[in-house]
């Protein structure tokens, strides 16, 4: 199992509409990816390790797939649609990382 994390960095001029992201963008992704998507989690940043400092990321979405090939096959045909929607919820692009998912 792999996890695809899309991380939206926080910063002074960053805007992020978590309501739109949660209620419109993510459901669009879930519907488009179908059965290839094995799970989805959303982290909305609230703080960092230093009291009073903002979280380093405003949001991190974690999408789970069986393997990289399954992710690429499901995500690839919709990548432009997903990217075009970013302007509706943020002024910053997400950073994408693919990881092996290790559970304990």
PDB file of N, CA and C in Angstrom:
ATOM      1  N   UNK A   1       0.863  -1.176   0.000  1.00  0.00           N
ATOM      2  CA  UNK A   1       0.000   0.000   0.000  1.00  0.00           C
ATOM      3  C   UNK A   1       0.903   1.231   0.000  1.00  0.00           C
ATOM      4  N   UNK A   2       0.483   2.244  -0.755  1.00  0.00           N
ATOM      5  CA  UNK A   2       1.202   3.517  -0.773  1.00  0.00           C
ATOM      6  C   UNK A   2       0.271   4.636  -0.319  1.00  0.00           C
ATOM      7  N   UNK A   3       0.906   5.735   0.080  1.00  0.00           N
ATOM      8  CA  UNK A   3       0.159   6.932   0.453  1.00  0.00           C
ATOM      9  C   UNK A   3       0.683   8.084  -0.383  1.00  0.00           C
ATOM     10  N   UNK A   4      -0.231   8.801  -1.016  1.00  0.00           N
ATOM     11  CA  UNK A   4       0.096  10.002  -1.769  1.00  0.00           C
ATOM     12  C   UNK A   4      -0.332  11.177  -0.904  1.00  0.00           C
ATOM     13  N   UNK A   5       0.640  11.973  -0.482  1.00  0.00           N
ATOM     14  CA  UNK A   5       0.354  13.125   0.374  1.00  0.00           C
ATOM     15  C   UNK A   5       0.477  14.393  -0.459  1.00  0.00           C
ATOM     16  N   UNK A   6      -0.560  15.216  -0.397  1.00  0.00           N
ATOM     17  CA  UNK A   6      -0.547  16.515  -1.066  1.00  0.00           C
ATOM     18  C   UNK A   6      -0.531  17.556   0.047  1.00  0.00           C
ATOM     19  N   UNK A   7       0.604  18.265   0.143  1.00  0.00           N
ATOM     20  CA  UNK A   7       0.844  19.163   1.265  1.00  0.00           C
ATOM     21  C   UNK A   7       0.823  20.608   0.785  1.00  0.00           C
ATOM     22  N   UNK A   8      -0.013  21.420   1.406  1.00  0.00           N
ATOM     23  CA  UNK A   8      -0.152  22.830   1.039  1.00  0.00           C
ATOM     24  C   UNK A   8       0.603  23.675   2.064  1.00  0.00           C
ATOM     25  N   UNK A   9       1.778  24.226   1.665  1.00  0.00           N
ATOM     26  CA  UNK A   9       2.588  24.997   2.608  1.00  0.00           C
ATOM     27  C   UNK A   9       1.856  26.247   3.104  1.00  0.00           C
ATOM     28  N   UNK A  10       2.099  26.548   4.360  1.00  0.00           N
ATOM     29  CA  UNK A  10       1.546  27.742   4.974  1.00  0.00           C
ATOM     30  C   UNK A  10       2.519  28.899   4.768  1.00  0.00           C
ATOM     31  N   UNK A  11       2.037  30.104   4.844  1.00  0.00           N
ATOM     32  CA  UNK A  11       2.888  31.276   4.698  1.00  0.00           C
ATOM     33  C   UNK A  11       2.095  32.548   4.912  1.00  0.00           C
ATOM     34  N   UNK A  12       2.797  33.649   4.913  1.00  0.00           N
ATOM     35  CA  UNK A  12       2.203  34.956   5.211  1.00  0.00           C
ATOM     36  C   UNK A  12       1.008  35.290   4.320  1.00  0.00           C
ATOM     37  N   UNK A  13       1.130  35.070   3.027  1.00  0.00           N
ATOM     38  CA  UNK A  13       0.069  35.465   2.102  1.00  0.00           C
ATOM     39  C   UNK A  13      -0.746  34.292   1.557  1.00  0.00           C
ATOM     40  N   UNK A  14      -0.619  33.131   2.187  1.00  0.00           N
ATOM     41  CA  UNK A  14      -1.321  31.938   1.713  1.00  0.00           C
ATOM     42  C   UNK A  14      -2.797  32.015   2.086  1.00  0.00           C
ATOM     43  N   UNK A  15      -3.649  31.705   1.104  1.00  0.00           N
ATOM     44  CA  UNK A  15      -5.083  31.567   1.376  1.00  0.00           C
ATOM     45  C   UNK A  15      -5.472  30.123   1.090  1.00  0.00           C
ATOM     46  N   UNK A  16      -6.396  29.604   1.881  1.00  0.00           N
ATOM     47  CA  UNK A  16      -6.854  28.228   1.713  1.00  0.00           C
ATOM     48  C   UNK A  16      -8.280  28.142   2.240  1.00  0.00           C
ATOM     49  N   UNK A  17      -9.219  27.792   1.351  1.00  0.00           N
ATOM     50  CA  UNK A  17     -10.630  27.670   1.708  1.00  0.00           C
ATOM     51  C   UNK A  17     -10.907  26.205   2.066  1.00  0.00           C
ATOM     52  N   UNK A  18     -10.815  25.899   3.351  1.00  0.00           N
ATOM     53  CA  UNK A  18     -10.972  24.506   3.785  1.00  0.00           C
ATOM     54  C   UNK A  18     -12.383  23.981   3.558  1.00  0.00           C
ATOM     55  N   UNK A  19     -13.389  24.857   3.595  1.00  0.00           N
ATOM     56  CA  UNK A  19     -14.769  24.404   3.322  1.00  0.00           C
ATOM     57  C   UNK A  19     -14.901  23.937   1.873  1.00  0.00           C
ATOM     58  N   UNK A  20     -14.389  24.717   0.940  1.00  0.00           N
ATOM     59  CA  UNK A  20     -14.449  24.316  -0.469  1.00  0.00           C
ATOM     60  C   UNK A  20     -13.650  23.041  -0.688  1.00  0.00           C
ATOM     61  N   UNK A  21     -12.449  22.996  -0.124  1.00  0.00           N
ATOM     62  CA  UNK A  21     -11.585  21.836  -0.296  1.00  0.00           C
ATOM     63  C   UNK A  21     -12.264  20.565   0.224  1.00  0.00           C
ATOM     64  N   UNK A  22     -12.870  20.664   1.405  1.00  0.00           N
ATOM     65  CA  UNK A  22     -13.519  19.516   2.042  1.00  0.00           C
ATOM     66  C   UNK A  22     -14.814  19.115   1.355  1.00  0.00           C
ATOM     67  N   UNK A  23     -15.611  20.087   0.946  1.00  0.00           N
ATOM     68  CA  UNK A  23     -16.957  19.797   0.449  1.00  0.00           C
ATOM     69  C   UNK A  23     -17.083  19.737  -1.074  1.00  0.00           C
ATOM     70  N   UNK A  24     -16.067  20.224  -1.803  1.00  0.00           N
ATOM     71  CA  UNK A  24     -16.134  20.207  -3.273  1.00  0.00           C
ATOM     72  C   UNK A  24     -14.943  19.493  -3.910  1.00  0.00           C
ATOM     73  N   UNK A  25     -13.727  19.945  -3.569  1.00  0.00           N
ATOM     74  CA  UNK A  25     -12.548  19.394  -4.238  1.00  0.00           C
ATOM     75  C   UNK A  25     -12.330  17.918  -3.907  1.00  0.00           C
ATOM     76  N   UNK A  26     -12.304  17.585  -2.626  1.00  0.00           N
ATOM     77  CA  UNK A  26     -12.053  16.191  -2.260  1.00  0.00           C
ATOM     78  C   UNK A  26     -13.151  15.244  -2.740  1.00  0.00           C
ATOM     79  N   UNK A  27     -14.439  15.606  -2.647  1.00  0.00           N
ATOM     80  CA  UNK A  27     -15.459  14.715  -3.218  1.00  0.00           C
ATOM     81  C   UNK A  27     -15.293  14.515  -4.725  1.00  0.00           C
ATOM     82  N   UNK A  28     -14.859  15.550  -5.446  1.00  0.00           N
ATOM     83  CA  UNK A  28     -14.595  15.404  -6.873  1.00  0.00           C
ATOM     84  C   UNK A  28     -13.495  14.368  -7.097  1.00  0.00           C
ATOM     85  N   UNK A  29     -12.456  14.420  -6.292  1.00  0.00           N
ATOM     86  CA  UNK A  29     -11.360  13.460  -6.416  1.00  0.00           C
ATOM     87  C   UNK A  29     -11.827  12.049  -6.089  1.00  0.00           C
ATOM     88  N   UNK A  30     -12.561  11.895  -5.007  1.00  0.00           N
ATOM     89  CA  UNK A  30     -13.073  10.573  -4.613  1.00  0.00           C
ATOM     90  C   UNK A  30     -13.902   9.975  -5.743  1.00  0.00           C
ATOM     91  N   UNK A  31     -14.785  10.757  -6.314  1.00  0.00           N
ATOM     92  CA  UNK A  31     -15.640  10.265  -7.403  1.00  0.00           C
ATOM     93  C   UNK A  31     -14.826   9.904  -8.640  1.00  0.00           C
ATOM     94  N   UNK A  32     -13.831  10.705  -8.974  1.00  0.00           N
ATOM     95  CA  UNK A  32     -13.039  10.459 -10.175  1.00  0.00           C
ATOM     96  C   UNK A  32     -12.134   9.232 -10.032  1.00  0.00           C
ATOM     97  N   UNK A  33     -11.584   9.022  -8.844  1.00  0.00           N
ATOM     98  CA  UNK A  33     -10.630   7.928  -8.654  1.00  0.00           C
ATOM     99  C   UNK A  33     -11.296   6.572  -8.444  1.00  0.00           C
ATOM    100  N   UNK A  34     -12.541   6.584  -8.028  1.00  0.00           N
ATOM    101  CA  UNK A  34     -13.295   5.340  -7.892  1.00  0.00           C
ATOM    102  C   UNK A  34     -12.645   4.343  -6.952  1.00  0.00           C
ATOM    103  N   UNK A  35     -12.713   3.064  -7.318  1.00  0.00           N
ATOM    104  CA  UNK A  35     -12.250   1.977  -6.464  1.00  0.00           C
ATOM    105  C   UNK A  35     -10.736   1.930  -6.306  1.00  0.00           C
ATOM    106  N   UNK A  36     -10.007   2.647  -7.148  1.00  0.00           N
ATOM    107  CA  UNK A  36      -8.545   2.670  -7.009  1.00  0.00           C
ATOM    108  C   UNK A  36      -8.133   3.348  -5.705  1.00  0.00           C
ATOM    109  N   UNK A  37      -8.946   4.298  -5.242  1.00  0.00           N
ATOM    110  CA  UNK A  37      -8.674   5.007  -3.996  1.00  0.00           C
ATOM    111  C   UNK A  37      -9.098   4.126  -2.827  1.00  0.00           C
ATOM    112  N   UNK A  38      -8.150   3.782  -1.978  1.00  0.00           N
ATOM    113  CA  UNK A  38      -8.416   2.864  -0.863  1.00  0.00           C
ATOM    114  C   UNK A  38      -8.679   3.578   0.449  1.00  0.00           C
ATOM    115  N   UNK A  39      -8.427   4.867   0.492  1.00  0.00           N
ATOM    116  CA  UNK A  39      -8.674   5.633   1.713  1.00  0.00           C
ATOM    117  C   UNK A  39      -8.235   7.069   1.518  1.00  0.00           C
ATOM    118  N   UNK A  40      -8.806   7.955   2.317  1.00  0.00           N
ATOM    119  CA  UNK A  40      -8.492   9.380   2.236  1.00  0.00           C
ATOM    120  C   UNK A  40      -8.577   9.972   3.633  1.00  0.00           C
ATOM    121  N   UNK A  41      -7.556  10.733   3.987  1.00  0.00           N
ATOM    122  CA  UNK A  41      -7.545  11.464   5.256  1.00  0.00           C
ATOM    123  C   UNK A  41      -7.139  12.903   4.972  1.00  0.00           C
ATOM    124  N   UNK A  42      -7.642  13.819   5.769  1.00  0.00           N
ATOM    125  CA  UNK A  42      -7.301  15.226   5.618  1.00  0.00           C
ATOM    126  C   UNK A  42      -6.824  15.769   6.954  1.00  0.00           C
ATOM    127  N   UNK A  43      -5.636  16.374   6.949  1.00  0.00           N
ATOM    128  CA  UNK A  43      -5.110  17.080   8.115  1.00  0.00           C
ATOM    129  C   UNK A  43      -5.229  18.568   7.833  1.00  0.00           C
ATOM    130  N   UNK A  44      -5.865  19.300   8.736  1.00  0.00           N
ATOM    131  CA  UNK A  44      -5.923  20.765   8.637  1.00  0.00           C
ATOM    132  C   UNK A  44      -5.037  21.321   9.744  1.00  0.00           C
ATOM    133  N   UNK A  45      -3.965  22.006   9.346  1.00  0.00           N
ATOM    134  CA  UNK A  45      -2.968  22.480  10.306  1.00  0.00           C
ATOM    135  C   UNK A  45      -3.515  23.510  11.268  1.00  0.00           C
ATOM    136  N   UNK A  46      -3.145  23.330  12.548  1.00  0.00           N
ATOM    137  CA  UNK A  46      -3.593  24.281  13.566  1.00  0.00           C
ATOM    138  C   UNK A  46      -2.438  24.895  14.359  1.00  0.00           C
ATOM    139  N   UNK A  47      -1.268  24.258  14.359  1.00  0.00           N
ATOM    140  CA  UNK A  47      -0.139  24.790  15.128  1.00  0.00           C
ATOM    141  C   UNK A  47       1.136  24.077  14.705  1.00  0.00           C
ATOM    142  N   UNK A  48       2.255  24.616  15.177  1.00  0.00           N
ATOM    143  CA  UNK A  48       3.550  23.965  14.969  1.00  0.00           C
ATOM    144  C   UNK A  48       4.093  23.553  16.327  1.00  0.00           C
ATOM    145  N   UNK A  49       5.317  23.080  16.356  1.00  0.00           N
ATOM    146  CA  UNK A  49       5.889  22.659  17.637  1.00  0.00           C
ATOM    147  C   UNK A  49       6.268  23.841  18.524  1.00  0.00           C
ATOM    148  N   UNK A  50       6.351  25.028  17.918  1.00  0.00           N
ATOM    149  CA  UNK A  50       6.672  26.232  18.677  1.00  0.00           C
ATOM    150  C   UNK A  50       5.366  26.953  19.027  1.00  0.00           C
ATOM    151  N   UNK A  51       5.060  27.121  20.305  1.00  0.00           N
ATOM    152  CA  UNK A  51       3.819  27.791  20.694  1.00  0.00           C
ATOM    153  C   UNK A  51       3.679  29.163  20.025  1.00  0.00           C
ATOM    154  N   UNK A  52       2.495  29.394  19.490  1.00  0.00           N
ATOM    155  CA  UNK A  52       2.200  30.672  18.862  1.00  0.00           C
ATOM    156  C   UNK A  52       2.549  30.748  17.385  1.00  0.00           C
ATOM    157  N   UNK A  53       3.314  29.806  16.864  1.00  0.00           N
ATOM    158  CA  UNK A  53       3.645  29.802  15.440  1.00  0.00           C
ATOM    159  C   UNK A  53       2.608  29.000  14.674  1.00  0.00           C
ATOM    160  N   UNK A  54       2.302  29.426  13.454  1.00  0.00           N
ATOM    161  CA  UNK A  54       1.328  28.679  12.648  1.00  0.00           C
ATOM    162  C   UNK A  54       1.886  27.342  12.184  1.00  0.00           C
ATOM    163  N   UNK A  55       0.997  26.455  11.807  1.00  0.00           N
ATOM    164  CA  UNK A  55       1.389  25.154  11.268  1.00  0.00           C
ATOM    165  C   UNK A  55       2.188  25.349   9.982  1.00  0.00           C
ATOM    166  N   UNK A  56       3.154  24.480   9.710  1.00  0.00           N
ATOM    167  CA  UNK A  56       3.926  24.622   8.477  1.00  0.00           C
ATOM    168  C   UNK A  56       3.112  24.349   7.217  1.00  0.00           C
ATOM    169  N   UNK A  57       2.021  23.614   7.360  1.00  0.00           N
ATOM    170  CA  UNK A  57       1.128  23.319   6.230  1.00  0.00           C
ATOM    171  C   UNK A  57      -0.296  23.687   6.630  1.00  0.00           C
ATOM    172  N   UNK A  58      -1.032  24.348   5.722  1.00  0.00           N
ATOM    173  CA  UNK A  58      -2.427  24.665   6.015  1.00  0.00           C
ATOM    174  C   UNK A  58      -3.287  23.416   5.905  1.00  0.00           C
ATOM    175  N   UNK A  59      -2.883  22.499   5.016  1.00  0.00           N
ATOM    176  CA  UNK A  59      -3.625  21.252   4.846  1.00  0.00           C
ATOM    177  C   UNK A  59      -2.717  20.201   4.232  1.00  0.00           C
ATOM    178  N   UNK A  60      -2.981  18.951   4.588  1.00  0.00           N
ATOM    179  CA  UNK A  60      -2.306  17.811   3.973  1.00  0.00           C
ATOM    180  C   UNK A  60      -3.375  16.752   3.721  1.00  0.00           C
ATOM    181  N   UNK A  61      -3.523  16.376   2.462  1.00  0.00           N
ATOM    182  CA  UNK A  61      -4.445  15.295   2.098  1.00  0.00           C
ATOM    183  C   UNK A  61      -3.620  14.034   1.870  1.00  0.00           C
ATOM    184  N   UNK A  62      -4.090  12.921   2.421  1.00  0.00           N
ATOM    185  CA  UNK A  62      -3.408  11.636   2.281  1.00  0.00           C
ATOM    186  C   UNK A  62      -4.345  10.689   1.542  1.00  0.00           C
ATOM    187  N   UNK A  63      -3.926  10.255   0.371  1.00  0.00           N
ATOM    188  CA  UNK A  63      -4.711   9.331  -0.449  1.00  0.00           C
ATOM    189  C   UNK A  63      -3.989   7.991  -0.500  1.00  0.00           C
ATOM    190  N   UNK A  64      -4.711   6.911  -0.286  1.00  0.00           N
ATOM    191  CA  UNK A  64      -4.104   5.582  -0.253  1.00  0.00           C
ATOM    192  C   UNK A  64      -4.485   4.777  -1.492  1.00  0.00           C
ATOM    193  N   UNK A  65      -3.478   4.081  -2.025  1.00  0.00           N
ATOM    194  CA  UNK A  65      -3.640   3.238  -3.213  1.00  0.00           C
ATOM    195  C   UNK A  65      -2.880   1.936  -2.999  1.00  0.00           C
ATOM    196  N   UNK A  66      -3.215   0.931  -3.786  1.00  0.00           N
ATOM    197  CA  UNK A  66      -2.509  -0.347  -3.688  1.00  0.00           C
ATOM    198  C   UNK A  66      -1.035  -0.193  -4.033  1.00  0.00           C
ATOM    199  N   UNK A  67      -0.730   0.573  -5.082  1.00  0.00           N
ATOM    200  CA  UNK A  67       0.650   0.752  -5.524  1.00  0.00           C
ATOM    201  C   UNK A  67       0.740   1.984  -6.413  1.00  0.00           C
ATOM    202  N   UNK A  68       1.961   2.328  -6.814  1.00  0.00           N
ATOM    203  CA  UNK A  68       2.185   3.527  -7.633  1.00  0.00           C
ATOM    204  C   UNK A  68       1.471   3.412  -8.973  1.00  0.00           C
ATOM    205  N   UNK A  69       1.499   2.225  -9.561  1.00  0.00           N
ATOM    206  CA  UNK A  69       0.837   2.033 -10.860  1.00  0.00           C
ATOM    207  C   UNK A  69      -0.666   2.302 -10.756  1.00  0.00           C
ATOM    208  N   UNK A  70      -1.289   1.867  -9.684  1.00  0.00           N
ATOM    209  CA  UNK A  70      -2.731   2.105  -9.493  1.00  0.00           C
ATOM    210  C   UNK A  70      -3.001   3.598  -9.333  1.00  0.00           C
ATOM    211  N   UNK A  71      -2.137   4.286  -8.591  1.00  0.00           N
ATOM    212  CA  UNK A  71      -2.281   5.740  -8.440  1.00  0.00           C
ATOM    213  C   UNK A  71      -2.168   6.437  -9.794  1.00  0.00           C
ATOM    214  N   UNK A  72      -1.124   6.117 -10.542  1.00  0.00           N
ATOM    215  CA  UNK A  72      -0.890   6.771 -11.821  1.00  0.00           C
ATOM    216  C   UNK A  72      -2.024   6.514 -12.810  1.00  0.00           C
ATOM    217  N   UNK A  73      -2.524   5.286 -12.844  1.00  0.00           N
ATOM    218  CA  UNK A  73      -3.607   4.943 -13.775  1.00  0.00           C
ATOM    219  C   UNK A  73      -4.892   5.676 -13.424  1.00  0.00           C
ATOM    220  N   UNK A  74      -5.181   5.814 -12.139  1.00  0.00           N
ATOM    221  CA  UNK A  74      -6.423   6.464 -11.713  1.00  0.00           C
ATOM    222  C   UNK A  74      -6.318   7.983 -11.753  1.00  0.00           C
ATOM    223  N   UNK A  75      -5.184   8.527 -11.336  1.00  0.00           N
ATOM    224  CA  UNK A  75      -5.014   9.965 -11.181  1.00  0.00           C
ATOM    225  C   UNK A  75      -4.696  10.662 -12.501  1.00  0.00           C
ATOM    226  N   UNK A  76      -3.852  10.023 -13.314  1.00  0.00           N
ATOM    227  CA  UNK A  76      -3.360  10.629 -14.547  1.00  0.00           C
ATOM    228  C   UNK A  76      -4.418  11.243 -15.448  1.00  0.00           C
ATOM    229  N   UNK A  77      -5.494  10.514 -15.767  1.00  0.00           N
ATOM    230  CA  UNK A  77      -6.507  11.060 -16.668  1.00  0.00           C
ATOM    231  C   UNK A  77      -7.230  12.296 -16.118  1.00  0.00           C
ATOM    232  N   UNK A  78      -7.147  12.519 -14.800  1.00  0.00           N
ATOM    233  CA  UNK A  78      -7.881  13.627 -14.163  1.00  0.00           C
ATOM    234  C   UNK A  78      -6.955  14.724 -13.639  1.00  0.00           C
ATOM    235  N   UNK A  79      -5.658  14.569 -13.816  1.00  0.00           N
ATOM    236  CA  UNK A  79      -4.690  15.494 -13.214  1.00  0.00           C
ATOM    237  C   UNK A  79      -4.953  16.948 -13.600  1.00  0.00           C
ATOM    238  N   UNK A  80      -5.247  17.217 -14.855  1.00  0.00           N
ATOM    239  CA  UNK A  80      -5.496  18.595 -15.292  1.00  0.00           C
ATOM    240  C   UNK A  80      -6.746  19.165 -14.627  1.00  0.00           C
ATOM    241  N   UNK A  81      -7.799  18.375 -14.539  1.00  0.00           N
ATOM    242  CA  UNK A  81      -9.035  18.826 -13.888  1.00  0.00           C
ATOM    243  C   UNK A  81      -8.772  19.160 -12.429  1.00  0.00           C
ATOM    244  N   UNK A  82      -8.027  18.282 -11.749  1.00  0.00           N
ATOM    245  CA  UNK A  82      -7.709  18.524 -10.336  1.00  0.00           C
ATOM    246  C   UNK A  82      -6.877  19.795 -10.194  1.00  0.00           C
ATOM    247  N   UNK A  83      -5.865  19.962 -11.045  1.00  0.00           N
ATOM    248  CA  UNK A  83      -4.994  21.140 -10.977  1.00  0.00           C
ATOM    249  C   UNK A  83      -5.754  22.421 -11.291  1.00  0.00           C
ATOM    250  N   UNK A  84      -6.653  22.370 -12.255  1.00  0.00           N
ATOM    251  CA  UNK A  84      -7.435  23.554 -12.625  1.00  0.00           C
ATOM    252  C   UNK A  84      -8.346  24.022 -11.498  1.00  0.00           C
ATOM    253  N   UNK A  85      -8.690  23.135 -10.574  1.00  0.00           N
ATOM    254  CA  UNK A  85      -9.598  23.474  -9.475  1.00  0.00           C
ATOM    255  C   UNK A  85      -8.885  24.168  -8.319  1.00  0.00           C
ATOM    256  N   UNK A  86      -7.557  24.114  -8.285  1.00  0.00           N
ATOM    257  CA  UNK A  86      -6.806  24.700  -7.164  1.00  0.00           C
ATOM    258  C   UNK A  86      -7.163  26.168  -6.967  1.00  0.00           C
ATOM    259  N   UNK A  87      -7.334  26.902  -8.054  1.00  0.00           N
ATOM    260  CA  UNK A  87      -7.644  28.343  -7.946  1.00  0.00           C
ATOM    261  C   UNK A  87      -8.922  28.607  -7.166  1.00  0.00           C
ATOM    262  N   UNK A  88      -9.779  27.604  -7.023  1.00  0.00           N
ATOM    263  CA  UNK A  88     -11.032  27.780  -6.296  1.00  0.00           C
ATOM    264  C   UNK A  88     -10.881  27.678  -4.781  1.00  0.00           C
ATOM    265  N   UNK A  89      -9.725  27.193  -4.304  1.00  0.00           N
ATOM    266  CA  UNK A  89      -9.568  27.072  -2.859  1.00  0.00           C
ATOM    267  C   UNK A  89      -8.225  27.569  -2.315  1.00  0.00           C
ATOM    268  N   UNK A  90      -7.228  27.817  -3.165  1.00  0.00           N
ATOM    269  CA  UNK A  90      -5.947  28.259  -2.622  1.00  0.00           C
ATOM    270  C   UNK A  90      -5.133  29.037  -3.646  1.00  0.00           C
ATOM    271  N   UNK A  91      -4.204  29.818  -3.135  1.00  0.00           N
ATOM    272  CA  UNK A  91      -3.268  30.533  -4.001  1.00  0.00           C
ATOM    273  C   UNK A  91      -1.882  29.889  -3.955  1.00  0.00           C
ATOM    274  N   UNK A  92      -1.797  28.692  -3.410  1.00  0.00           N
ATOM    275  CA  UNK A  92      -0.535  27.962  -3.345  1.00  0.00           C
ATOM    276  C   UNK A  92      -0.738  26.551  -3.891  1.00  0.00           C
ATOM    277  N   UNK A  93       0.262  26.052  -4.617  1.00  0.00           N
ATOM    278  CA  UNK A  93       0.195  24.688  -5.146  1.00  0.00           C
ATOM    279  C   UNK A  93       0.618  23.698  -4.085  1.00  0.00           C
ATOM    280  N   UNK A  94      -0.037  22.546  -4.084  1.00  0.00           N
ATOM    281  CA  UNK A  94       0.344  21.495  -3.167  1.00  0.00           C
ATOM    282  C   UNK A  94       1.613  20.794  -3.616  1.00  0.00           C
ATOM    283  N   UNK A  95       2.404  20.367  -2.652  1.00  0.00           N
ATOM    284  CA  UNK A  95       3.585  19.552  -2.905  1.00  0.00           C
ATOM    285  C   UNK A  95       3.166  18.098  -2.749  1.00  0.00           C
ATOM    286  N   UNK A  96       3.534  17.262  -3.709  1.00  0.00           N
ATOM    287  CA  UNK A  96       3.101  15.877  -3.697  1.00  0.00           C
ATOM    288  C   UNK A  96       4.262  14.960  -3.325  1.00  0.00           C
ATOM    289  N   UNK A  97       3.979  14.026  -2.420  1.00  0.00           N
ATOM    290  CA  UNK A  97       4.953  13.003  -2.049  1.00  0.00           C
ATOM    291  C   UNK A  97       4.274  11.647  -2.058  1.00  0.00           C
ATOM    292  N   UNK A  98       4.944  10.649  -2.645  1.00  0.00           N
ATOM    293  CA  UNK A  98       4.456   9.283  -2.627  1.00  0.00           C
ATOM    294  C   UNK A  98       5.328   8.489  -1.662  1.00  0.00           C
ATOM    295  N   UNK A  99       4.677   7.777  -0.736  1.00  0.00           N
ATOM    296  CA  UNK A  99       5.405   7.045   0.304  1.00  0.00           C
ATOM    297  C   UNK A  99       4.888   5.617   0.406  1.00  0.00           C
ATOM    298  N   UNK A 100       5.788   4.717   0.800  1.00  0.00           N
ATOM    299  CA  UNK A 100       5.332   3.391   1.205  1.00  0.00           C
ATOM    300  C   UNK A 100       4.652   3.558   2.547  1.00  0.00           C
ATOM    301  N   UNK A 101       3.522   2.918   2.702  1.00  0.00           N
ATOM    302  CA  UNK A 101       2.753   3.025   3.935  1.00  0.00           C
ATOM    303  C   UNK A 101       3.143   1.869   4.851  1.00  0.00           C
ATOM    304  N   UNK A 102       3.725   2.199   5.980  1.00  0.00           N
ATOM    305  CA  UNK A 102       4.133   1.214   6.961  1.00  0.00           C
ATOM    306  C   UNK A 102       3.277   1.418   8.211  1.00  0.00           C
ATOM    307  N   UNK A 103       2.580   0.390   8.613  1.00  0.00           N
ATOM    308  CA  UNK A 103       1.743   0.505   9.810  1.00  0.00           C
ATOM    309  C   UNK A 103       2.300  -0.407  10.895  1.00  0.00           C
ATOM    310  N   UNK A 104       2.050  -0.038  12.131  1.00  0.00           N
ATOM    311  CA  UNK A 104       2.530  -0.799  13.279  1.00  0.00           C
ATOM    312  C   UNK A 104       1.358  -1.282  14.107  1.00  0.00           C
TER     313      UNK A 104
END
